[in-house]
Amino acid sequence: MSDGSDEELAPYMARMGPVLEATLGRLAATSFRADPLSGARYSRLTSIIGSAYKRHGQILGRAILERLKDSSRHAVWTEDKFALSPASREALERRLPPAAYRTLALAYGEGERTIPVDLIVHEPSARRIRAYNVTRGNGVYDAGKKRAVVGEALRTQMHLADYARSNGLSVDTAEAYVISYYGLRAAPEPYSLIADELDDHFGFAVCGAVESVNDALRRGLHRLIDDA
């Protein structure tokens, strides 16, 4: 499986270019309060780097989405308001083993609340739909944050098959995942994926393209730091 030549990735990087430019622009404009210990320059550096970490997860999600647009087998989009029903909350409160939630299929549409889903990926030929939220996976969540991430993945799982049907899609398989890109998994198996697993998971070269985006973002971040 090819990671993609520079020539092949050129349209992909052209799509990601404005995203990176906008992110770097916001980082350059980051406001900060000078700390009396570190002083103005190092306070600014800390603010820029901290803001970059916070934005990086969104960049990773967009980079994966844009790469999958290059696959003829995948249709991919984001869902800003995926509806979670009271029934899925009640099922979550039963505290079943995580794998058991793969077998629960609840109706979609009655929203107790909504959440954003970073990626929805439909494979018509496989009659499969998958939902993903993307995290950096380079730090350990506290217990409360981890419960929230896992809970949202499990509730998405329960509604995903009917979400597909409500959008006119015929699927036999519906699966929700959390991508913890750098390897510190926010969710247990079978709900977690890391960078090294993505190419095999999608059957399409993803990580090489994402790393090209990371390289470009890293270069831009270093320029900001050098100029600070």
C-alpha atoms as a PDB file:
ATOM      1  CA  MET A   1       0.000   0.000   0.000  1.00  0.00           C
ATOM      2  CA  SER A   2       1.612   3.224  -1.162  1.00  0.00           C
ATOM      3  CA  ASP A   3       1.736   6.194   1.215  1.00  0.00           C
ATOM      4  CA  GLY A   4       1.445   8.442  -1.843  1.00  0.00           C
ATOM      5  CA  SER A   5       4.116  10.338  -3.756  1.00  0.00           C
ATOM      6  CA  ASP A   6       4.530  14.093  -3.421  1.00  0.00           C
ATOM      7  CA  GLU A   7       2.852  14.430  -6.804  1.00  0.00           C
ATOM      8  CA  GLU A   8      -0.073  12.253  -5.759  1.00  0.00           C
ATOM      9  CA  LEU A   9      -0.497  14.167  -2.488  1.00  0.00           C
ATOM     10  CA  ALA A  10      -0.293  17.614  -4.114  1.00  0.00           C
ATOM     11  CA  PRO A  11      -4.103  18.055  -4.459  1.00  0.00           C
ATOM     12  CA  TYR A  12      -4.548  16.818  -0.894  1.00  0.00           C
ATOM     13  CA  MET A  13      -1.969  19.252   0.476  1.00  0.00           C
ATOM     14  CA  ALA A  14      -3.569  22.049  -1.564  1.00  0.00           C
ATOM     15  CA  ARG A  15      -6.868  21.339   0.209  1.00  0.00           C
ATOM     16  CA  MET A  16      -5.161  21.281   3.595  1.00  0.00           C
ATOM     17  CA  GLY A  17      -3.091  24.410   2.917  1.00  0.00           C
ATOM     18  CA  PRO A  18      -5.792  26.967   3.823  1.00  0.00           C
ATOM     19  CA  VAL A  19      -6.611  24.995   6.976  1.00  0.00           C
ATOM     20  CA  LEU A  20      -2.974  25.135   8.089  1.00  0.00           C
ATOM     21  CA  GLU A  21      -2.624  28.810   7.169  1.00  0.00           C
ATOM     22  CA  ALA A  22      -5.729  29.719   9.157  1.00  0.00           C
ATOM     23  CA  THR A  23      -4.502  27.713  12.154  1.00  0.00           C
ATOM     24  CA  LEU A  24      -1.061  29.305  12.085  1.00  0.00           C
ATOM     25  CA  GLY A  25      -2.654  32.731  11.759  1.00  0.00           C
ATOM     26  CA  ARG A  26      -4.722  32.125  14.871  1.00  0.00           C
ATOM     27  CA  LEU A  27      -1.640  30.871  16.705  1.00  0.00           C
ATOM     28  CA  ALA A  28       0.275  34.009  15.724  1.00  0.00           C
ATOM     29  CA  ALA A  29      -2.553  36.121  17.134  1.00  0.00           C
ATOM     30  CA  THR A  30      -2.746  34.165  20.395  1.00  0.00           C
ATOM     31  CA  SER A  31      -3.236  36.509  23.332  1.00  0.00           C
ATOM     32  CA  PHE A  32      -1.307  35.898  26.507  1.00  0.00           C
ATOM     33  CA  ARG A  33      -0.647  37.319  29.925  1.00  0.00           C
ATOM     34  CA  ALA A  34       3.003  37.711  30.767  1.00  0.00           C
ATOM     35  CA  ASP A  35       3.997  35.581  33.714  1.00  0.00           C
ATOM     36  CA  PRO A  36       6.188  37.393  36.252  1.00  0.00           C
ATOM     37  CA  LEU A  37       8.511  34.387  36.484  1.00  0.00           C
ATOM     38  CA  SER A  38       9.056  33.528  32.825  1.00  0.00           C
ATOM     39  CA  GLY A  39       8.689  37.006  31.329  1.00  0.00           C
ATOM     40  CA  ALA A  40       6.941  38.175  28.172  1.00  0.00           C
ATOM     41  CA  ARG A  41       8.829  36.136  25.562  1.00  0.00           C
ATOM     42  CA  TYR A  42       8.575  32.775  27.265  1.00  0.00           C
ATOM     43  CA  SER A  43       4.971  33.442  28.280  1.00  0.00           C
ATOM     44  CA  ARG A  44       4.183  34.029  24.603  1.00  0.00           C
ATOM     45  CA  LEU A  45       6.002  30.843  23.593  1.00  0.00           C
ATOM     46  CA  THR A  46       4.053  28.869  26.172  1.00  0.00           C
ATOM     47  CA  SER A  47       0.768  30.332  24.939  1.00  0.00           C
ATOM     48  CA  ILE A  48       1.543  29.555  21.284  1.00  0.00           C
ATOM     49  CA  ILE A  49       2.601  25.981  22.001  1.00  0.00           C
ATOM     50  CA  GLY A  50      -0.348  25.313  24.320  1.00  0.00           C
ATOM     51  CA  SER A  51      -2.778  26.647  21.725  1.00  0.00           C
ATOM     52  CA  ALA A  52      -1.124  24.498  19.045  1.00  0.00           C
ATOM     53  CA  TYR A  53      -1.662  21.360  21.125  1.00  0.00           C
ATOM     54  CA  LYS A  54      -5.338  22.215  21.580  1.00  0.00           C
ATOM     55  CA  ARG A  55      -5.883  22.793  17.857  1.00  0.00           C
ATOM     56  CA  HIS A  56      -3.869  19.807  16.679  1.00  0.00           C
ATOM     57  CA  GLY A  57      -6.597  17.233  17.316  1.00  0.00           C
ATOM     58  CA  GLN A  58      -8.917  19.137  14.973  1.00  0.00           C
ATOM     59  CA  ILE A  59      -6.178  19.273  12.331  1.00  0.00           C
ATOM     60  CA  LEU A  60      -5.686  15.508  12.594  1.00  0.00           C
ATOM     61  CA  GLY A  61      -9.398  14.898  12.138  1.00  0.00           C
ATOM     62  CA  ARG A  62      -9.562  17.175   9.098  1.00  0.00           C
ATOM     63  CA  ALA A  63      -6.408  15.611   7.639  1.00  0.00           C
ATOM     64  CA  ILE A  64      -7.894  12.106   7.864  1.00  0.00           C
ATOM     65  CA  LEU A  65     -11.189  13.287   6.388  1.00  0.00           C
ATOM     66  CA  GLU A  66      -9.528  15.018   3.448  1.00  0.00           C
ATOM     67  CA  ARG A  67      -7.335  11.993   2.750  1.00  0.00           C
ATOM     68  CA  LEU A  68     -10.316   9.642   2.654  1.00  0.00           C
ATOM     69  CA  LYS A  69     -11.931  11.922   0.061  1.00  0.00           C
ATOM     70  CA  ASP A  70      -9.219  10.600  -2.283  1.00  0.00           C
ATOM     71  CA  SER A  71     -10.530   7.031  -1.913  1.00  0.00           C
ATOM     72  CA  SER A  72     -13.100   5.854  -4.421  1.00  0.00           C
ATOM     73  CA  ARG A  73     -14.467   3.353  -1.872  1.00  0.00           C
ATOM     74  CA  HIS A  74     -15.286   5.832   0.882  1.00  0.00           C
ATOM     75  CA  ALA A  75     -17.818   8.609   1.270  1.00  0.00           C
ATOM     76  CA  VAL A  76     -16.884  10.804   4.210  1.00  0.00           C
ATOM     77  CA  TRP A  77     -18.414  13.734   6.043  1.00  0.00           C
ATOM     78  CA  THR A  78     -18.668  15.325   9.477  1.00  0.00           C
ATOM     79  CA  GLU A  79     -21.763  15.408  11.666  1.00  0.00           C
ATOM     80  CA  ASP A  80     -21.980  18.517  13.823  1.00  0.00           C
ATOM     81  CA  LYS A  81     -25.137  17.480  15.686  1.00  0.00           C
ATOM     82  CA  PHE A  82     -25.335  13.724  16.142  1.00  0.00           C
ATOM     83  CA  ALA A  83     -28.390  13.089  18.327  1.00  0.00           C
ATOM     84  CA  LEU A  84     -28.100  11.014  21.507  1.00  0.00           C
ATOM     85  CA  SER A  85     -31.364   9.807  22.982  1.00  0.00           C
ATOM     86  CA  PRO A  86     -32.453   9.156  26.562  1.00  0.00           C
ATOM     87  CA  ALA A  87     -32.561   5.446  25.669  1.00  0.00           C
ATOM     88  CA  SER A  88     -28.831   5.373  24.932  1.00  0.00           C
ATOM     89  CA  ARG A  89     -28.099   7.171  28.204  1.00  0.00           C
ATOM     90  CA  GLU A  90     -30.145   4.576  30.082  1.00  0.00           C
ATOM     91  CA  ALA A  91     -28.359   1.752  28.265  1.00  0.00           C
ATOM     92  CA  LEU A  92     -25.001   3.301  29.126  1.00  0.00           C
ATOM     93  CA  GLU A  93     -25.997   3.404  32.796  1.00  0.00           C
ATOM     94  CA  ARG A  94     -26.333  -0.377  32.723  1.00  0.00           C
ATOM     95  CA  ARG A  95     -22.514  -0.524  32.549  1.00  0.00           C
ATOM     96  CA  LEU A  96     -22.329  -3.466  30.162  1.00  0.00           C
ATOM     97  CA  PRO A  97     -18.937  -4.669  28.901  1.00  0.00           C
ATOM     98  CA  PRO A  98     -17.903  -2.270  26.119  1.00  0.00           C
ATOM     99  CA  ALA A  99     -18.083  -4.936  23.411  1.00  0.00           C
ATOM    100  CA  ALA A 100     -21.723  -5.612  24.301  1.00  0.00           C
ATOM    101  CA  TYR A 101     -22.752  -2.201  22.984  1.00  0.00           C
ATOM    102  CA  ARG A 102     -21.815  -3.340  19.491  1.00  0.00           C
ATOM    103  CA  THR A 103     -24.980  -5.465  19.562  1.00  0.00           C
ATOM    104  CA  LEU A 104     -27.400  -2.727  20.680  1.00  0.00           C
ATOM    105  CA  ALA A 105     -29.221  -0.827  17.945  1.00  0.00           C
ATOM    106  CA  LEU A 106     -31.418   2.048  19.072  1.00  0.00           C
ATOM    107  CA  ALA A 107     -33.581   4.445  17.107  1.00  0.00           C
ATOM    108  CA  TYR A 108     -31.962   7.664  15.914  1.00  0.00           C
ATOM    109  CA  GLY A 109     -33.561  11.073  16.071  1.00  0.00           C
ATOM    110  CA  GLU A 110     -34.895  11.627  19.584  1.00  0.00           C
ATOM    111  CA  GLY A 111     -32.180  13.880  20.913  1.00  0.00           C
ATOM    112  CA  GLU A 112     -31.597  14.336  24.608  1.00  0.00           C
ATOM    113  CA  ARG A 113     -28.523  16.214  23.422  1.00  0.00           C
ATOM    114  CA  THR A 114     -26.280  16.363  20.394  1.00  0.00           C
ATOM    115  CA  ILE A 115     -22.540  15.912  19.950  1.00  0.00           C
ATOM    116  CA  PRO A 116     -20.155  16.580  17.063  1.00  0.00           C
ATOM    117  CA  VAL A 117     -18.723  13.541  15.297  1.00  0.00           C
ATOM    118  CA  ASP A 118     -15.438  14.243  13.524  1.00  0.00           C
ATOM    119  CA  LEU A 119     -15.833  11.665  10.742  1.00  0.00           C
ATOM    120  CA  ILE A 120     -18.636   9.592   9.327  1.00  0.00           C
ATOM    121  CA  VAL A 121     -17.322   7.092   6.771  1.00  0.00           C
ATOM    122  CA  HIS A 122     -19.644   5.108   4.526  1.00  0.00           C
ATOM    123  CA  GLU A 123     -18.433   2.224   2.378  1.00  0.00           C
ATOM    124  CA  PRO A 124     -21.284   1.342   0.019  1.00  0.00           C
ATOM    125  CA  SER A 125     -19.543  -1.720  -1.418  1.00  0.00           C
ATOM    126  CA  ALA A 126     -19.082  -3.166   2.085  1.00  0.00           C
ATOM    127  CA  ARG A 127     -22.508  -1.979   3.294  1.00  0.00           C
ATOM    128  CA  ARG A 128     -20.735  -0.434   6.253  1.00  0.00           C
ATOM    129  CA  ILE A 129     -20.820   2.858   8.138  1.00  0.00           C
ATOM    130  CA  ARG A 130     -18.324   3.945  10.760  1.00  0.00           C
ATOM    131  CA  ALA A 131     -18.127   6.983  13.033  1.00  0.00           C
ATOM    132  CA  TYR A 132     -14.922   8.413  14.480  1.00  0.00           C
ATOM    133  CA  ASN A 133     -13.884  11.026  16.975  1.00  0.00           C
ATOM    134  CA  VAL A 134     -10.235  11.986  16.728  1.00  0.00           C
ATOM    135  CA  THR A 135      -7.907  12.826  19.612  1.00  0.00           C
ATOM    136  CA  ARG A 136      -4.154  13.403  19.687  1.00  0.00           C
ATOM    137  CA  GLY A 137      -3.671  10.498  22.069  1.00  0.00           C
ATOM    138  CA  ASN A 138      -0.452  11.939  23.451  1.00  0.00           C
ATOM    139  CA  GLY A 139      -1.573  12.429  27.029  1.00  0.00           C
ATOM    140  CA  VAL A 140      -3.570  10.569  29.637  1.00  0.00           C
ATOM    141  CA  TYR A 141      -7.121  11.801  30.242  1.00  0.00           C
ATOM    142  CA  ASP A 142      -8.371  12.202  33.781  1.00  0.00           C
ATOM    143  CA  ALA A 143     -11.105   9.779  34.817  1.00  0.00           C
ATOM    144  CA  GLY A 144     -13.965  12.201  34.139  1.00  0.00           C
ATOM    145  CA  LYS A 145     -12.794  13.123  30.643  1.00  0.00           C
ATOM    146  CA  LYS A 146     -12.163   9.490  29.748  1.00  0.00           C
ATOM    147  CA  ARG A 147     -15.669   8.508  30.893  1.00  0.00           C
ATOM    148  CA  ALA A 148     -17.105  11.261  28.707  1.00  0.00           C
ATOM    149  CA  VAL A 149     -15.119  10.192  25.623  1.00  0.00           C
ATOM    150  CA  VAL A 150     -15.965   6.516  26.057  1.00  0.00           C
ATOM    151  CA  GLY A 151     -19.600   7.251  26.886  1.00  0.00           C
ATOM    152  CA  GLU A 152     -20.071   9.319  23.736  1.00  0.00           C
ATOM    153  CA  ALA A 153     -18.482   6.581  21.611  1.00  0.00           C
ATOM    154  CA  LEU A 154     -20.770   3.934  23.114  1.00  0.00           C
ATOM    155  CA  ARG A 155     -23.876   6.055  22.651  1.00  0.00           C
ATOM    156  CA  THR A 156     -22.886   6.868  19.066  1.00  0.00           C
ATOM    157  CA  GLN A 157     -22.476   3.144  18.482  1.00  0.00           C
ATOM    158  CA  MET A 158     -26.007   2.417  19.655  1.00  0.00           C
ATOM    159  CA  HIS A 159     -27.579   4.942  17.272  1.00  0.00           C
ATOM    160  CA  LEU A 160     -25.298   4.595  14.262  1.00  0.00           C
ATOM    161  CA  ALA A 161     -27.144   1.912  12.290  1.00  0.00           C
ATOM    162  CA  ASP A 162     -30.426   3.806  12.471  1.00  0.00           C
ATOM    163  CA  TYR A 163     -28.609   7.065  11.683  1.00  0.00           C
ATOM    164  CA  ALA A 164     -27.511   5.402   8.436  1.00  0.00           C
ATOM    165  CA  ARG A 165     -31.040   4.260   7.645  1.00  0.00           C
ATOM    166  CA  SER A 166     -32.409   7.735   8.416  1.00  0.00           C
ATOM    167  CA  ASN A 167     -30.003   9.081   5.792  1.00  0.00           C
ATOM    168  CA  GLY A 168     -31.121   6.546   3.192  1.00  0.00           C
ATOM    169  CA  LEU A 169     -28.063   4.293   3.505  1.00  0.00           C
ATOM    170  CA  SER A 170     -28.287   0.498   3.437  1.00  0.00           C
ATOM    171  CA  VAL A 171     -25.739  -0.966   5.852  1.00  0.00           C
ATOM    172  CA  ASP A 172     -25.093  -4.307   7.494  1.00  0.00           C
ATOM    173  CA  THR A 173     -22.348  -3.036   9.815  1.00  0.00           C
ATOM    174  CA  ALA A 174     -22.205   0.071  11.992  1.00  0.00           C
ATOM    175  CA  GLU A 175     -19.180   0.770  14.198  1.00  0.00           C
ATOM    176  CA  ALA A 176     -18.017   3.713  16.303  1.00  0.00           C
ATOM    177  CA  TYR A 177     -14.366   4.407  17.155  1.00  0.00           C
ATOM    178  CA  VAL A 178     -12.113   6.851  18.961  1.00  0.00           C
ATOM    179  CA  ILE A 179      -8.864   7.494  17.095  1.00  0.00           C
ATOM    180  CA  SER A 180      -6.075   8.206  19.595  1.00  0.00           C
ATOM    181  CA  TYR A 181      -3.503   9.093  16.979  1.00  0.00           C
ATOM    182  CA  TYR A 182      -0.278   8.990  19.002  1.00  0.00           C
ATOM    183  CA  GLY A 183      -1.055   5.790  20.846  1.00  0.00           C
ATOM    184  CA  LEU A 184      -2.402   6.613  24.315  1.00  0.00           C
ATOM    185  CA  ARG A 185      -5.856   5.133  23.860  1.00  0.00           C
ATOM    186  CA  ALA A 186      -8.808   7.092  25.194  1.00  0.00           C
ATOM    187  CA  ALA A 187     -11.204   4.170  24.695  1.00  0.00           C
ATOM    188  CA  PRO A 188     -10.919   0.411  25.168  1.00  0.00           C
ATOM    189  CA  GLU A 189     -11.000  -2.097  22.356  1.00  0.00           C
ATOM    190  CA  PRO A 190     -12.942  -2.596  20.139  1.00  0.00           C
ATOM    191  CA  TYR A 191     -13.552   1.150  20.092  1.00  0.00           C
ATOM    192  CA  SER A 192      -9.989   2.463  19.825  1.00  0.00           C
ATOM    193  CA  LEU A 193      -7.574   2.953  16.957  1.00  0.00           C
ATOM    194  CA  ILE A 194      -4.075   4.445  16.791  1.00  0.00           C
ATOM    195  CA  ALA A 195      -2.099   5.844  13.860  1.00  0.00           C
ATOM    196  CA  ASP A 196      -0.277   2.603  13.057  1.00  0.00           C
ATOM    197  CA  GLU A 197      -3.617   0.826  12.605  1.00  0.00           C
ATOM    198  CA  LEU A 198      -5.326   3.304  10.300  1.00  0.00           C
ATOM    199  CA  ASP A 199      -4.008   2.197   6.914  1.00  0.00           C
ATOM    200  CA  ASP A 200      -5.061  -1.414   7.479  1.00  0.00           C
ATOM    201  CA  HIS A 201      -8.343  -0.332   9.046  1.00  0.00           C
ATOM    202  CA  PHE A 202      -9.369   1.791   6.070  1.00  0.00           C
ATOM    203  CA  GLY A 203      -7.641  -0.338   3.435  1.00  0.00           C
ATOM    204  CA  PHE A 204      -6.232   2.933   2.131  1.00  0.00           C
ATOM    205  CA  ALA A 205      -2.998   4.851   2.731  1.00  0.00           C
ATOM    206  CA  VAL A 206      -3.856   7.514   5.316  1.00  0.00           C
ATOM    207  CA  CYS A 207      -0.951   7.982   7.717  1.00  0.00           C
ATOM    208  CA  GLY A 208       1.689   9.097   5.224  1.00  0.00           C
ATOM    209  CA  ALA A 209      -0.600  11.894   4.072  1.00  0.00           C
ATOM    210  CA  VAL A 210      -1.435  12.915   7.631  1.00  0.00           C
ATOM    211  CA  GLU A 211       2.256  13.028   8.486  1.00  0.00           C
ATOM    212  CA  SER A 212       2.827  15.365   5.523  1.00  0.00           C
ATOM    213  CA  VAL A 213       0.290  17.704   7.126  1.00  0.00           C
ATOM    214  CA  ASN A 214       1.996  17.320  10.503  1.00  0.00           C
ATOM    215  CA  ASP A 215       5.361  18.185   8.920  1.00  0.00           C
ATOM    216  CA  ALA A 216       3.929  21.346   7.371  1.00  0.00           C
ATOM    217  CA  LEU A 217       2.250  22.359  10.634  1.00  0.00           C
ATOM    218  CA  ARG A 218       5.436  21.657  12.572  1.00  0.00           C
ATOM    219  CA  ARG A 219       7.494  23.845  10.239  1.00  0.00           C
ATOM    220  CA  GLY A 220       5.006  26.682  10.576  1.00  0.00           C
ATOM    221  CA  LEU A 221       4.909  26.337  14.360  1.00  0.00           C
ATOM    222  CA  HIS A 222       8.707  26.399  14.546  1.00  0.00           C
ATOM    223  CA  ARG A 223       8.787  29.594  12.483  1.00  0.00           C
ATOM    224  CA  LEU A 224       6.356  31.220  14.924  1.00  0.00           C
ATOM    225  CA  ILE A 225       8.483  30.125  17.856  1.00  0.00           C
ATOM    226  CA  ASP A 226      11.682  31.382  16.237  1.00  0.00           C
ATOM    227  CA  ASP A 227      10.060  34.755  15.586  1.00  0.00           C
ATOM    228  CA  ALA A 228       8.514  35.129  19.035  1.00  0.00           C
END
